[in-house]
PDB file of N, CA and C in Angstrom:
ATOM      1  N   MET A   1     146.494 148.134 105.472  1.00  0.00           N
ATOM      2  CA  MET A   1     145.540 148.402 106.660  1.00  0.00           C
ATOM      3  C   MET A   1     146.201 148.398 108.004  1.00  0.00           C
ATOM      4  N   VAL A   2     145.934 149.597 108.717  1.00  0.00           N
ATOM      5  CA  VAL A   2     146.482 149.584 110.190  1.00  0.00           C
ATOM      6  C   VAL A   2     145.271 149.127 110.996  1.00  0.00           C
ATOM      7  N   PHE A   3     146.050 148.157 111.787  1.00  0.00           N
ATOM      8  CA  PHE A   3     145.200 147.205 112.940  1.00  0.00           C
ATOM      9  C   PHE A   3     145.444 147.715 114.219  1.00  0.00           C
ATOM     10  N   SER A   4     144.622 148.735 114.560  1.00  0.00           N
ATOM     11  CA  SER A   4     144.969 149.047 116.098  1.00  0.00           C
ATOM     12  C   SER A   4     143.997 148.375 117.031  1.00  0.00           C
ATOM     13  N   TRP A   5     144.427 148.952 118.249  1.00  0.00           N
ATOM     14  CA  TRP A   5     143.809 148.651 119.438  1.00  0.00           C
ATOM     15  C   TRP A   5     142.215 148.838 119.261  1.00  0.00           C
ATOM     16  N   LEU A   6     141.930 149.658 118.689  1.00  0.00           N
ATOM     17  CA  LEU A   6     140.460 149.846 118.728  1.00  0.00           C
ATOM     18  C   LEU A   6     139.716 148.812 117.696  1.00  0.00           C
ATOM     19  N   ASN A   7     140.528 148.557 116.817  1.00  0.00           N
ATOM     20  CA  ASN A   7     140.062 147.002 116.090  1.00  0.00           C
ATOM     21  C   ASN A   7     139.945 145.960 116.687  1.00  0.00           C
ATOM     22  N   VAL A   8     140.755 145.539 118.063  1.00  0.00           N
ATOM     23  CA  VAL A   8     140.856 144.500 118.608  1.00  0.00           C
ATOM     24  C   VAL A   8     139.479 144.805 119.518  1.00  0.00           C
ATOM     25  N   ALA A   9     139.757 146.195 120.277  1.00  0.00           N
ATOM     26  CA  ALA A   9     138.397 146.076 121.159  1.00  0.00           C
ATOM     27  C   ALA A   9     137.222 145.705 120.491  1.00  0.00           C
ATOM     28  N   VAL A  10     136.677 145.991 119.149  1.00  0.00           N
ATOM     29  CA  VAL A  10     135.662 145.906 118.494  1.00  0.00           C
ATOM     30  C   VAL A  10     135.356 144.530 118.457  1.00  0.00           C
ATOM     31  N   LEU A  11     136.572 143.962 117.720  1.00  0.00           N
ATOM     32  CA  LEU A  11     136.614 142.473 117.621  1.00  0.00           C
ATOM     33  C   LEU A  11     136.002 141.254 119.169  1.00  0.00           C
ATOM     34  N   VAL A  12     136.986 142.043 120.211  1.00  0.00           N
ATOM     35  CA  VAL A  12     136.824 141.245 121.186  1.00  0.00           C
ATOM     36  C   VAL A  12     135.049 141.230 121.929  1.00  0.00           C
ATOM     37  N   CYS A  13     134.610 142.738 121.844  1.00  0.00           N
ATOM     38  CA  CYS A  13     133.315 142.863 121.937  1.00  0.00           C
ATOM     39  C   CYS A  13     132.158 142.340 121.122  1.00  0.00           C
ATOM     40  N   LEU A  14     132.667 142.423 119.953  1.00  0.00           N
ATOM     41  CA  LEU A  14     131.685 141.202 118.792  1.00  0.00           C
ATOM     42  C   LEU A  14     131.739 139.697 119.338  1.00  0.00           C
ATOM     43  N   VAL A  15     132.937 139.520 119.441  1.00  0.00           N
ATOM     44  CA  VAL A  15     132.909 137.770 119.670  1.00  0.00           C
ATOM     45  C   VAL A  15     132.342 137.430 121.393  1.00  0.00           C
ATOM     46  N   ALA A  16     132.510 138.586 122.062  1.00  0.00           N
ATOM     47  CA  ALA A  16     131.754 138.413 123.493  1.00  0.00           C
ATOM     48  C   ALA A  16     130.319 138.744 123.220  1.00  0.00           C
ATOM     49  N   GLY A  17     129.664 139.473 122.378  1.00  0.00           N
ATOM     50  CA  GLY A  17     128.313 139.435 121.978  1.00  0.00           C
ATOM     51  C   GLY A  17     127.516 138.358 121.550  1.00  0.00           C
ATOM     52  N   LEU A  18     128.598 137.595 120.665  1.00  0.00           N
ATOM     53  CA  LEU A  18     127.930 136.552 120.255  1.00  0.00           C
ATOM     54  C   LEU A  18     128.176 135.227 121.004  1.00  0.00           C
ATOM     55  N   ALA A  19     129.152 135.220 122.111  1.00  0.00           N
ATOM     56  CA  ALA A  19     129.245 134.349 123.118  1.00  0.00           C
ATOM     57  C   ALA A  19     128.204 134.146 124.301  1.00  0.00           C
ATOM     58  N   PHE A  20     127.719 135.808 124.450  1.00  0.00           N
ATOM     59  CA  PHE A  20     126.603 135.895 125.213  1.00  0.00           C
ATOM     60  C   PHE A  20     125.251 135.365 124.676  1.00  0.00           C
ATOM     61  N   GLY A  21     124.890 135.577 123.442  1.00  0.00           N
ATOM     62  CA  GLY A  21     123.875 135.065 122.792  1.00  0.00           C
ATOM     63  C   GLY A  21     123.886 133.626 122.505  1.00  0.00           C
ATOM     64  N   ALA A  22     125.215 133.293 121.983  1.00  0.00           N
ATOM     65  CA  ALA A  22     124.954 131.759 121.696  1.00  0.00           C
ATOM     66  C   ALA A  22     125.188 130.780 123.031  1.00  0.00           C
ATOM     67  N   GLY A  23     125.687 131.254 123.940  1.00  0.00           N
ATOM     68  CA  GLY A  23     126.248 130.398 125.109  1.00  0.00           C
ATOM     69  C   GLY A  23     124.893 129.687 125.891  1.00  0.00           C
ATOM     70  N   PRO A  24     124.135 130.429 126.099  1.00  0.00           N
ATOM     71  CA  PRO A  24     122.777 129.667 126.596  1.00  0.00           C
ATOM     72  C   PRO A  24     122.003 128.865 125.756  1.00  0.00           C
ATOM     73  N   LEU A  25     122.029 129.297 124.514  1.00  0.00           N
ATOM     74  CA  LEU A  25     121.076 128.298 123.549  1.00  0.00           C
ATOM     75  C   LEU A  25     122.404 127.104 123.571  1.00  0.00           C
ATOM     76  N   LEU A  26     123.586 126.890 123.199  1.00  0.00           N
ATOM     77  CA  LEU A  26     124.723 125.920 123.472  1.00  0.00           C
ATOM     78  C   LEU A  26     124.219 125.272 124.444  1.00  0.00           C
ATOM     79  N   GLY A  27     124.401 126.006 125.716  1.00  0.00           N
ATOM     80  CA  GLY A  27     124.349 124.996 126.767  1.00  0.00           C
ATOM     81  C   GLY A  27     122.955 124.450 127.369  1.00  0.00           C
ATOM     82  N   SER A  28     121.944 125.016 126.744  1.00  0.00           N
ATOM     83  CA  SER A  28     120.674 124.305 127.057  1.00  0.00           C
ATOM     84  C   SER A  28     120.607 122.871 126.057  1.00  0.00           C
ATOM     85  N   VAL A  29     121.365 123.420 124.938  1.00  0.00           N
ATOM     86  CA  VAL A  29     120.789 121.907 123.673  1.00  0.00           C
ATOM     87  C   VAL A  29     122.295 121.070 124.477  1.00  0.00           C
ATOM     88  N   LEU A  30     123.408 121.232 125.065  1.00  0.00           N
ATOM     89  CA  LEU A  30     124.073 120.370 125.859  1.00  0.00           C
ATOM     90  C   LEU A  30     123.650 119.918 127.457  1.00  0.00           C
ATOM     91  N   LEU A  31     122.756 120.789 128.092  1.00  0.00           N
ATOM     92  CA  LEU A  31     122.721 120.422 129.398  1.00  0.00           C
ATOM     93  C   LEU A  31     121.268 119.674 129.740  1.00  0.00           C
ATOM     94  N   ALA A  32     120.386 119.995 128.768  1.00  0.00           N
ATOM     95  CA  ALA A  32     118.919 119.712 128.887  1.00  0.00           C
ATOM     96  C   ALA A  32     118.800 118.332 129.175  1.00  0.00           C
ATOM     97  N   PRO A  33     117.705 117.651 129.938  1.00  0.00           N
ATOM     98  CA  PRO A  33     117.477 116.174 130.169  1.00  0.00           C
ATOM     99  C   PRO A  33     117.108 115.801 128.707  1.00  0.00           C
ATOM    100  N   ARG A  34     117.213 114.768 127.829  1.00  0.00           N
ATOM    101  CA  ARG A  34     116.563 114.060 126.997  1.00  0.00           C
ATOM    102  C   ARG A  34     115.624 113.222 127.439  1.00  0.00           C
ATOM    103  N   THR A  35     114.371 113.354 127.287  1.00  0.00           N
ATOM    104  CA  THR A  35     113.366 112.161 127.256  1.00  0.00           C
ATOM    105  C   THR A  35     112.762 111.932 126.238  1.00  0.00           C
ATOM    106  N   PHE A  36     112.296 110.551 126.072  1.00  0.00           N
ATOM    107  CA  PHE A  36     111.471 110.122 124.718  1.00  0.00           C
ATOM    108  C   PHE A  36     110.218 109.548 125.446  1.00  0.00           C
ATOM    109  N   GLY A  37     109.210 109.824 125.221  1.00  0.00           N
ATOM    110  CA  GLY A  37     107.883 109.387 125.395  1.00  0.00           C
ATOM    111  C   GLY A  37     107.525 110.045 126.542  1.00  0.00           C
ATOM    112  N   GLY A  38     106.407 109.347 127.143  1.00  0.00           N
ATOM    113  CA  GLY A  38     105.886 109.912 128.389  1.00  0.00           C
ATOM    114  C   GLY A  38     104.797 111.022 128.110  1.00  0.00           C
ATOM    115  N   GLY A  39     105.480 112.278 128.630  1.00  0.00           N
ATOM    116  CA  GLY A  39     104.728 113.559 128.466  1.00  0.00           C
ATOM    117  C   GLY A  39     105.510 114.614 127.442  1.00  0.00           C
ATOM    118  N   PHE A  40     106.350 113.749 126.729  1.00  0.00           N
ATOM    119  CA  PHE A  40     107.202 114.458 125.995  1.00  0.00           C
ATOM    120  C   PHE A  40     106.352 115.649 124.743  1.00  0.00           C
ATOM    121  N   LEU A  41     105.361 115.600 124.285  1.00  0.00           N
ATOM    122  CA  LEU A  41     104.774 116.272 123.386  1.00  0.00           C
ATOM    123  C   LEU A  41     103.151 116.940 123.936  1.00  0.00           C
ATOM    124  N   GLU A  42     103.238 116.850 125.446  1.00  0.00           N
ATOM    125  CA  GLU A  42     102.184 117.299 126.264  1.00  0.00           C
ATOM    126  C   GLU A  42     102.611 118.984 126.591  1.00  0.00           C
ATOM    127  N   PRO A  43     101.709 120.212 126.312  1.00  0.00           N
ATOM    128  CA  PRO A  43     102.056 121.653 126.486  1.00  0.00           C
ATOM    129  C   PRO A  43     102.798 121.439 127.806  1.00  0.00           C
ATOM    130  N   TYR A  44     103.588 122.479 127.912  1.00  0.00           N
ATOM    131  CA  TYR A  44     104.198 123.073 129.518  1.00  0.00           C
ATOM    132  C   TYR A  44     103.327 124.119 130.020  1.00  0.00           C
ATOM    133  N   GLU A  45     102.744 123.473 131.185  1.00  0.00           N
ATOM    134  CA  GLU A  45     102.290 124.798 131.660  1.00  0.00           C
ATOM    135  C   GLU A  45     102.648 124.882 133.360  1.00  0.00           C
ATOM    136  N   CYS A  46     103.872 125.771 133.159  1.00  0.00           N
ATOM    137  CA  CYS A  46     104.461 126.103 134.586  1.00  0.00           C
ATOM    138  C   CYS A  46     104.594 124.964 135.255  1.00  0.00           C
ATOM    139  N   GLY A  47     105.426 123.941 134.975  1.00  0.00           N
ATOM    140  CA  GLY A  47     105.991 122.968 135.531  1.00  0.00           C
ATOM    141  C   GLY A  47     104.358 121.833 136.238  1.00  0.00           C
ATOM    142  N   MET A  48     103.372 122.308 136.295  1.00  0.00           N
ATOM    143  CA  MET A  48     102.492 121.369 136.327  1.00  0.00           C
ATOM    144  C   MET A  48     101.650 120.434 135.213  1.00  0.00           C
ATOM    145  N   PRO A  49     101.147 119.267 135.585  1.00  0.00           N
ATOM    146  CA  PRO A  49     100.755 118.421 134.727  1.00  0.00           C
ATOM    147  C   PRO A  49      99.378 119.261 134.333  1.00  0.00           C
ATOM    148  N   PRO A  50      99.356 119.225 132.809  1.00  0.00           N
ATOM    149  CA  PRO A  50      98.164 119.767 132.238  1.00  0.00           C
ATOM    150  C   PRO A  50      96.847 119.243 132.113  1.00  0.00           C
ATOM    151  N   HIS A  51      95.732 119.813 132.427  1.00  0.00           N
ATOM    152  CA  HIS A  51      94.515 118.853 132.277  1.00  0.00           C
ATOM    153  C   HIS A  51      93.593 119.477 131.468  1.00  0.00           C
ATOM    154  N   GLY A  52      92.707 118.876 130.901  1.00  0.00           N
ATOM    155  CA  GLY A  52      91.569 119.747 129.635  1.00  0.00           C
ATOM    156  C   GLY A  52      92.118 120.012 128.605  1.00  0.00           C
ATOM    157  N   VAL A  53      92.017 120.463 127.660  1.00  0.00           N
ATOM    158  CA  VAL A  53      92.154 120.888 126.258  1.00  0.00           C
ATOM    159  C   VAL A  53      93.093 121.957 126.564  1.00  0.00           C
ATOM    160  N   SER A  54      94.206 122.113 125.629  1.00  0.00           N
ATOM    161  CA  SER A  54      95.160 123.359 125.408  1.00  0.00           C
ATOM    162  C   SER A  54      94.671 124.445 124.733  1.00  0.00           C
ATOM    163  N   TRP A  55      93.872 124.316 123.894  1.00  0.00           N
ATOM    164  CA  TRP A  55      93.171 125.662 123.216  1.00  0.00           C
ATOM    165  C   TRP A  55      91.739 125.869 124.566  1.00  0.00           C
ATOM    166  N   SER A  56      91.703 126.769 125.497  1.00  0.00           N
ATOM    167  CA  SER A  56      90.703 127.245 126.001  1.00  0.00           C
ATOM    168  C   SER A  56      89.996 128.732 125.616  1.00  0.00           C
ATOM    169  N   ARG A  57      89.052 128.921 125.359  1.00  0.00           N
ATOM    170  CA  ARG A  57      88.871 130.368 125.013  1.00  0.00           C
ATOM    171  C   ARG A  57      88.187 131.457 126.361  1.00  0.00           C
ATOM    172  N   PHE A  58      88.931 132.629 125.879  1.00  0.00           N
ATOM    173  CA  PHE A  58      88.792 133.528 127.046  1.00  0.00           C
ATOM    174  C   PHE A  58      87.681 134.541 126.789  1.00  0.00           C
ATOM    175  N   GLY A  59      87.289 135.148 127.723  1.00  0.00           N
ATOM    176  CA  GLY A  59      86.102 136.205 127.459  1.00  0.00           C
ATOM    177  C   GLY A  59      86.909 137.329 127.120  1.00  0.00           C
ATOM    178  N   ILE A  60      86.510 138.330 126.111  1.00  0.00           N
ATOM    179  CA  ILE A  60      86.839 139.343 125.523  1.00  0.00           C
ATOM    180  C   ILE A  60      87.272 140.385 126.734  1.00  0.00           C
ATOM    181  N   ASN A  61      86.643 140.298 128.115  1.00  0.00           N
ATOM    182  CA  ASN A  61      86.860 140.856 129.132  1.00  0.00           C
ATOM    183  C   ASN A  61      87.946 141.248 129.676  1.00  0.00           C
ATOM    184  N   TYR A  62      89.041 140.133 129.487  1.00  0.00           N
ATOM    185  CA  TYR A  62      90.153 140.286 129.807  1.00  0.00           C
ATOM    186  C   TYR A  62      90.939 141.201 128.863  1.00  0.00           C
ATOM    187  N   TYR A  63      90.755 141.112 127.737  1.00  0.00           N
ATOM    188  CA  TYR A  63      91.784 142.016 126.594  1.00  0.00           C
ATOM    189  C   TYR A  63      91.041 143.444 127.218  1.00  0.00           C
ATOM    190  N   PHE A  64      89.728 143.662 127.022  1.00  0.00           N
ATOM    191  CA  PHE A  64      89.392 144.998 127.426  1.00  0.00           C
ATOM    192  C   PHE A  64      90.011 145.628 128.759  1.00  0.00           C
ATOM    193  N   TYR A  65      90.342 144.793 129.684  1.00  0.00           N
ATOM    194  CA  TYR A  65      90.795 145.202 130.913  1.00  0.00           C
ATOM    195  C   TYR A  65      92.320 145.532 130.435  1.00  0.00           C
ATOM    196  N   ALA A  66      92.909 144.700 129.847  1.00  0.00           N
ATOM    197  CA  ALA A  66      94.276 145.174 129.268  1.00  0.00           C
ATOM    198  C   ALA A  66      94.405 146.305 128.790  1.00  0.00           C
ATOM    199  N   LEU A  67      93.699 146.659 127.438  1.00  0.00           N
ATOM    200  CA  LEU A  67      93.870 147.769 127.009  1.00  0.00           C
ATOM    201  C   LEU A  67      93.445 149.044 127.696  1.00  0.00           C
ATOM    202  N   ILE A  68      92.508 148.870 128.640  1.00  0.00           N
ATOM    203  CA  ILE A  68      92.712 150.086 129.456  1.00  0.00           C
ATOM    204  C   ILE A  68      93.449 150.234 130.731  1.00  0.00           C
ATOM    205  N   PHE A  69      94.008 149.523 131.101  1.00  0.00           N
ATOM    206  CA  PHE A  69      95.077 149.340 131.846  1.00  0.00           C
ATOM    207  C   PHE A  69      96.409 150.041 131.086  1.00  0.00           C
ATOM    208  N   LEU A  70      96.587 149.484 129.747  1.00  0.00           N
ATOM    209  CA  LEU A  70      97.779 149.787 129.080  1.00  0.00           C
ATOM    210  C   LEU A  70      97.695 151.409 128.807  1.00  0.00           C
ATOM    211  N   ALA A  71      96.374 152.119 128.427  1.00  0.00           N
ATOM    212  CA  ALA A  71      95.913 153.539 128.003  1.00  0.00           C
ATOM    213  C   ALA A  71      96.295 154.328 129.258  1.00  0.00           C
ATOM    214  N   PHE A  72      95.568 154.069 130.719  1.00  0.00           N
ATOM    215  CA  PHE A  72      95.709 154.848 131.524  1.00  0.00           C
ATOM    216  C   PHE A  72      96.958 154.849 132.280  1.00  0.00           C
ATOM    217  N   ASP A  73      97.930 153.341 131.904  1.00  0.00           N
ATOM    218  CA  ASP A  73      99.170 153.635 132.766  1.00  0.00           C
ATOM    219  C   ASP A  73     100.135 154.408 131.890  1.00  0.00           C
ATOM    220  N   VAL A  74     100.192 154.450 130.408  1.00  0.00           N
ATOM    221  CA  VAL A  74     100.922 155.450 129.541  1.00  0.00           C
ATOM    222  C   VAL A  74     100.449 156.420 129.903  1.00  0.00           C
ATOM    223  N   ASP A  75      99.390 156.717 129.958  1.00  0.00           N
ATOM    224  CA  ASP A  75      99.002 158.548 130.418  1.00  0.00           C
ATOM    225  C   ASP A  75      99.471 158.770 131.997  1.00  0.00           C
ATOM    226  N   VAL A  76      99.377 158.051 132.474  1.00  0.00           N
ATOM    227  CA  VAL A  76     100.097 158.374 133.963  1.00  0.00           C
ATOM    228  C   VAL A  76     101.418 158.709 133.877  1.00  0.00           C
ATOM    229  N   LEU A  77     102.264 158.046 132.904  1.00  0.00           N
ATOM    230  CA  LEU A  77     103.664 158.443 132.816  1.00  0.00           C
ATOM    231  C   LEU A  77     103.810 159.709 131.970  1.00  0.00           C
ATOM    232  N   TYR A  78     102.855 160.478 131.799  1.00  0.00           N
ATOM    233  CA  TYR A  78     103.423 161.836 131.085  1.00  0.00           C
ATOM    234  C   TYR A  78     103.112 162.689 132.008  1.00  0.00           C
ATOM    235  N   LEU A  79     102.828 162.148 133.508  1.00  0.00           N
ATOM    236  CA  LEU A  79     102.695 163.312 134.464  1.00  0.00           C
ATOM    237  C   LEU A  79     103.990 163.570 135.263  1.00  0.00           C
ATOM    238  N   PHE A  80     105.044 162.495 135.065  1.00  0.00           N
ATOM    239  CA  PHE A  80     106.433 162.306 135.470  1.00  0.00           C
ATOM    240  C   PHE A  80     106.795 163.686 135.146  1.00  0.00           C
ATOM    241  N   PRO A  81     107.466 163.808 133.958  1.00  0.00           N
ATOM    242  CA  PRO A  81     108.204 164.785 133.542  1.00  0.00           C
ATOM    243  C   PRO A  81     107.564 166.358 133.881  1.00  0.00           C
ATOM    244  N   VAL A  82     106.314 166.403 133.787  1.00  0.00           N
ATOM    245  CA  VAL A  82     105.458 167.508 134.143  1.00  0.00           C
ATOM    246  C   VAL A  82     105.865 167.815 135.880  1.00  0.00           C
ATOM    247  N   ALA A  83     105.635 166.854 136.523  1.00  0.00           N
ATOM    248  CA  ALA A  83     106.309 166.948 138.030  1.00  0.00           C
ATOM    249  C   ALA A  83     107.441 167.264 138.321  1.00  0.00           C
ATOM    250  N   ALA A  84     108.552 166.927 137.369  1.00  0.00           N
ATOM    251  CA  ALA A  84     109.758 167.408 137.599  1.00  0.00           C
ATOM    252  C   ALA A  84     110.088 168.896 137.002  1.00  0.00           C
ATOM    253  N   TYR A  85     109.033 169.342 136.020  1.00  0.00           N
ATOM    254  CA  TYR A  85     109.262 170.552 135.613  1.00  0.00           C
ATOM    255  C   TYR A  85     108.622 171.569 136.383  1.00  0.00           C
ATOM    256  N   TYR A  86     107.783 171.197 137.057  1.00  0.00           N
ATOM    257  CA  TYR A  86     106.816 171.970 137.891  1.00  0.00           C
ATOM    258  C   TYR A  86     107.636 173.125 138.339  1.00  0.00           C
ATOM    259  N   PRO A  87     108.614 172.697 139.802  1.00  0.00           N
ATOM    260  CA  PRO A  87     108.940 173.665 140.579  1.00  0.00           C
ATOM    261  C   PRO A  87     109.902 174.700 140.016  1.00  0.00           C
ATOM    262  N   GLU A  88     110.264 174.323 138.520  1.00  0.00           N
ATOM    263  CA  GLU A  88     110.734 175.475 137.831  1.00  0.00           C
ATOM    264  C   GLU A  88     110.321 176.389 136.561  1.00  0.00           C
ATOM    265  N   SER A  89     108.667 175.842 136.953  1.00  0.00           N
ATOM    266  CA  SER A  89     107.731 176.863 136.074  1.00  0.00           C
ATOM    267  C   SER A  89     107.667 178.325 136.445  1.00  0.00           C
ATOM    268  N   LYS A  90     107.015 179.042 135.663  1.00  0.00           N
ATOM    269  CA  LYS A  90     106.648 180.212 136.091  1.00  0.00           C
ATOM    270  C   LYS A  90     105.118 180.561 135.890  1.00  0.00           C
ATOM    271  N   GLY A  91     104.240 180.818 137.030  1.00  0.00           N
ATOM    272  CA  GLY A  91     102.921 181.254 136.947  1.00  0.00           C
ATOM    273  C   GLY A  91     102.072 179.639 136.932  1.00  0.00           C
ATOM    274  N   PHE A  92     100.842 179.665 136.549  1.00  0.00           N
ATOM    275  CA  PHE A  92     100.146 178.629 136.804  1.00  0.00           C
ATOM    276  C   PHE A  92      99.742 178.223 135.369  1.00  0.00           C
ATOM    277  N   GLU A  93     100.472 178.231 134.377  1.00  0.00           N
ATOM    278  CA  GLU A  93      99.744 177.588 133.392  1.00  0.00           C
ATOM    279  C   GLU A  93     100.189 175.973 133.266  1.00  0.00           C
ATOM    280  N   PRO A  94     101.386 175.472 133.892  1.00  0.00           N
ATOM    281  CA  PRO A  94     101.154 173.884 134.016  1.00  0.00           C
ATOM    282  C   PRO A  94     100.644 173.574 134.482  1.00  0.00           C
ATOM    283  N   PHE A  95     100.146 174.073 135.767  1.00  0.00           N
ATOM    284  CA  PHE A  95      99.220 173.647 136.824  1.00  0.00           C
ATOM    285  C   PHE A  95      97.499 173.471 135.933  1.00  0.00           C
ATOM    286  N   TYR A  96      97.511 174.192 135.053  1.00  0.00           N
ATOM    287  CA  TYR A  96      96.303 174.350 134.189  1.00  0.00           C
ATOM    288  C   TYR A  96      96.273 173.196 133.238  1.00  0.00           C
ATOM    289  N   GLU A  97      97.423 173.217 132.814  1.00  0.00           N
ATOM    290  CA  GLU A  97      97.734 171.818 131.560  1.00  0.00           C
ATOM    291  C   GLU A  97      97.612 170.762 132.324  1.00  0.00           C
ATOM    292  N   VAL A  98      97.929 170.664 133.481  1.00  0.00           N
ATOM    293  CA  VAL A  98      98.208 168.968 133.971  1.00  0.00           C
ATOM    294  C   VAL A  98      96.526 168.698 134.830  1.00  0.00           C
ATOM    295  N   PHE A  99      95.891 169.950 135.081  1.00  0.00           N
ATOM    296  CA  PHE A  99      94.333 169.687 135.324  1.00  0.00           C
ATOM    297  C   PHE A  99      93.860 169.551 134.303  1.00  0.00           C
ATOM    298  N   VAL A 100      93.853 169.951 133.055  1.00  0.00           N
ATOM    299  CA  VAL A 100      92.968 169.667 131.941  1.00  0.00           C
ATOM    300  C   VAL A 100      93.448 167.899 131.772  1.00  0.00           C
ATOM    301  N   PHE A 101      94.527 167.757 131.798  1.00  0.00           N
ATOM    302  CA  PHE A 101      94.882 166.292 131.285  1.00  0.00           C
ATOM    303  C   PHE A 101      94.513 165.096 132.223  1.00  0.00           C
ATOM    304  N   VAL A 102      94.729 165.405 133.517  1.00  0.00           N
ATOM    305  CA  VAL A 102      93.994 165.077 134.317  1.00  0.00           C
ATOM    306  C   VAL A 102      92.299 164.490 134.561  1.00  0.00           C
ATOM    307  N   LEU A 103      91.712 165.764 134.221  1.00  0.00           N
ATOM    308  CA  LEU A 103      90.335 165.681 134.044  1.00  0.00           C
ATOM    309  C   LEU A 103      89.666 165.101 132.997  1.00  0.00           C
ATOM    310  N   VAL A 104      90.511 165.117 131.913  1.00  0.00           N
ATOM    311  CA  VAL A 104      90.143 163.878 130.729  1.00  0.00           C
ATOM    312  C   VAL A 104      90.237 162.680 131.156  1.00  0.00           C
ATOM    313  N   LEU A 105      91.399 162.189 131.853  1.00  0.00           N
ATOM    314  CA  LEU A 105      91.796 161.226 132.102  1.00  0.00           C
ATOM    315  C   LEU A 105      90.382 160.436 133.162  1.00  0.00           C
ATOM    316  N   PHE A 106      89.823 161.389 134.164  1.00  0.00           N
ATOM    317  CA  PHE A 106      88.920 161.283 135.001  1.00  0.00           C
ATOM    318  C   PHE A 106      87.346 161.072 134.234  1.00  0.00           C
ATOM    319  N   LEU A 107      87.606 161.821 133.348  1.00  0.00           N
ATOM    320  CA  LEU A 107      86.055 161.947 132.437  1.00  0.00           C
ATOM    321  C   LEU A 107      85.988 160.555 131.673  1.00  0.00           C
ATOM    322  N   ALA A 108      87.352 160.131 131.068  1.00  0.00           N
ATOM    323  CA  ALA A 108      87.252 158.721 130.725  1.00  0.00           C
ATOM    324  C   ALA A 108      87.149 157.554 131.457  1.00  0.00           C
ATOM    325  N   ILE A 109      87.592 157.703 132.708  1.00  0.00           N
ATOM    326  CA  ILE A 109      87.184 156.723 133.534  1.00  0.00           C
ATOM    327  C   ILE A 109      85.662 156.697 133.907  1.00  0.00           C
ATOM    328  N   TYR A 110      85.302 157.896 134.115  1.00  0.00           N
ATOM    329  CA  TYR A 110      83.764 157.928 134.612  1.00  0.00           C
ATOM    330  C   TYR A 110      82.688 157.340 133.062  1.00  0.00           C
ATOM    331  N   TYR A 111      83.322 157.751 132.153  1.00  0.00           N
ATOM    332  CA  TYR A 111      82.662 156.946 130.637  1.00  0.00           C
ATOM    333  C   TYR A 111      82.839 155.956 130.727  1.00  0.00           C
ATOM    334  N   PHE A 112      83.933 154.664 131.065  1.00  0.00           N
ATOM    335  CA  PHE A 112      84.062 153.475 131.037  1.00  0.00           C
ATOM    336  C   PHE A 112      83.068 153.161 131.922  1.00  0.00           C
ATOM    337  N   TRP A 113      82.898 153.575 133.227  1.00  0.00           N
ATOM    338  CA  TRP A 113      82.353 152.916 134.532  1.00  0.00           C
ATOM    339  C   TRP A 113      80.727 153.135 134.268  1.00  0.00           C
ATOM    340  N   LYS A 114      80.387 154.367 133.070  1.00  0.00           N
ATOM    341  CA  LYS A 114      78.969 154.299 133.247  1.00  0.00           C
ATOM    342  C   LYS A 114      78.466 153.208 132.249  1.00  0.00           C
ATOM    343  N   LYS A 115      79.545 153.107 131.547  1.00  0.00           N
ATOM    344  CA  LYS A 115      79.174 152.106 130.050  1.00  0.00           C
ATOM    345  C   LYS A 115      78.992 150.823 130.544  1.00  0.00           C
ATOM    346  N   GLY A 116      79.921 150.612 131.838  1.00  0.00           N
ATOM    347  CA  GLY A 116      79.919 149.154 132.081  1.00  0.00           C
ATOM    348  C   GLY A 116      80.908 148.152 131.998  1.00  0.00           C
ATOM    349  N   VAL A 117      82.101 149.039 131.525  1.00  0.00           N
ATOM    350  CA  VAL A 117      83.341 148.126 131.197  1.00  0.00           C
ATOM    351  C   VAL A 117      83.550 147.499 132.330  1.00  0.00           C
ATOM    352  N   PHE A 118      83.597 148.318 133.830  1.00  0.00           N
ATOM    353  CA  PHE A 118      84.708 147.865 135.030  1.00  0.00           C
ATOM    354  C   PHE A 118      83.617 146.592 135.553  1.00  0.00           C
ATOM    355  N   THR A 119      82.583 146.437 134.938  1.00  0.00           N
ATOM    356  CA  THR A 119      81.975 145.281 135.773  1.00  0.00           C
ATOM    357  C   THR A 119      82.556 143.844 135.260  1.00  0.00           C
ATOM    358  N   TRP A 120      82.607 143.092 136.356  1.00  0.00           N
ATOM    359  CA  TRP A 120      83.026 141.665 135.705  1.00  0.00           C
ATOM    360  C   TRP A 120      81.795 140.678 135.801  1.00  0.00           C
ATOM    361  N   PRO A 121      81.922 139.967 134.523  1.00  0.00           N
ATOM    362  CA  PRO A 121      80.638 139.190 134.561  1.00  0.00           C
ATOM    363  C   PRO A 121      80.780 137.938 135.506  1.00  0.00           C
ATOM    364  N   ARG A 122      79.540 137.546 136.032  1.00  0.00           N
ATOM    365  CA  ARG A 122      79.824 136.090 136.819  1.00  0.00           C
ATOM    366  C   ARG A 122      80.138 134.963 136.301  1.00  0.00           C
ATOM    367  N   LYS A 123      79.908 134.802 135.170  1.00  0.00           N
ATOM    368  CA  LYS A 123      80.060 133.463 134.262  1.00  0.00           C
ATOM    369  C   LYS A 123      80.378 133.959 133.061  1.00  0.00           C
ATOM    370  N   ILE A 124      81.707 133.313 132.135  1.00  0.00           N
ATOM    371  CA  ILE A 124      81.960 133.483 130.918  1.00  0.00           C
ATOM    372  C   ILE A 124      81.133 132.358 130.000  1.00  0.00           C
ATOM    373  N   GLN A 125      80.167 132.781 129.077  1.00  0.00           N
ATOM    374  CA  GLN A 125      79.691 131.855 128.290  1.00  0.00           C
ATOM    375  C   GLN A 125      80.436 131.154 127.178  1.00  0.00           C
ATOM    376  N   LEU A 126      80.863 130.239 126.886  1.00  0.00           N
ATOM    377  CA  LEU A 126      81.923 129.447 125.941  1.00  0.00           C
ATOM    378  C   LEU A 126      81.094 129.006 125.038  1.00  0.00           C
TER     379      LEU A 126
END
């Protein structure tokens, strides 16, 4: 087998990739402070001491807002390629297509608004 510089480069990149992956893990094992007792088994909450139970129930409205945000955020991302292509297009066909797309988005927002999805409850019952 002929061992060329390309093989050396591949092996160097492989070793570097493993070092970049294993380096932080090994560094955290070697450099992390070791504490026993006290708050060792308590959940970690952003550096602040936790209070109350660790398993609290959240209202389903949080998930509705997240899903609606993701749906509309991804839909708006489709407008960027159309906007980049729009100066090179001929006629009004892309304008009509974008208009229909945005109209469907606004109809969806109007539907969710009338359904009451965007109203935040005063108190979440547990």
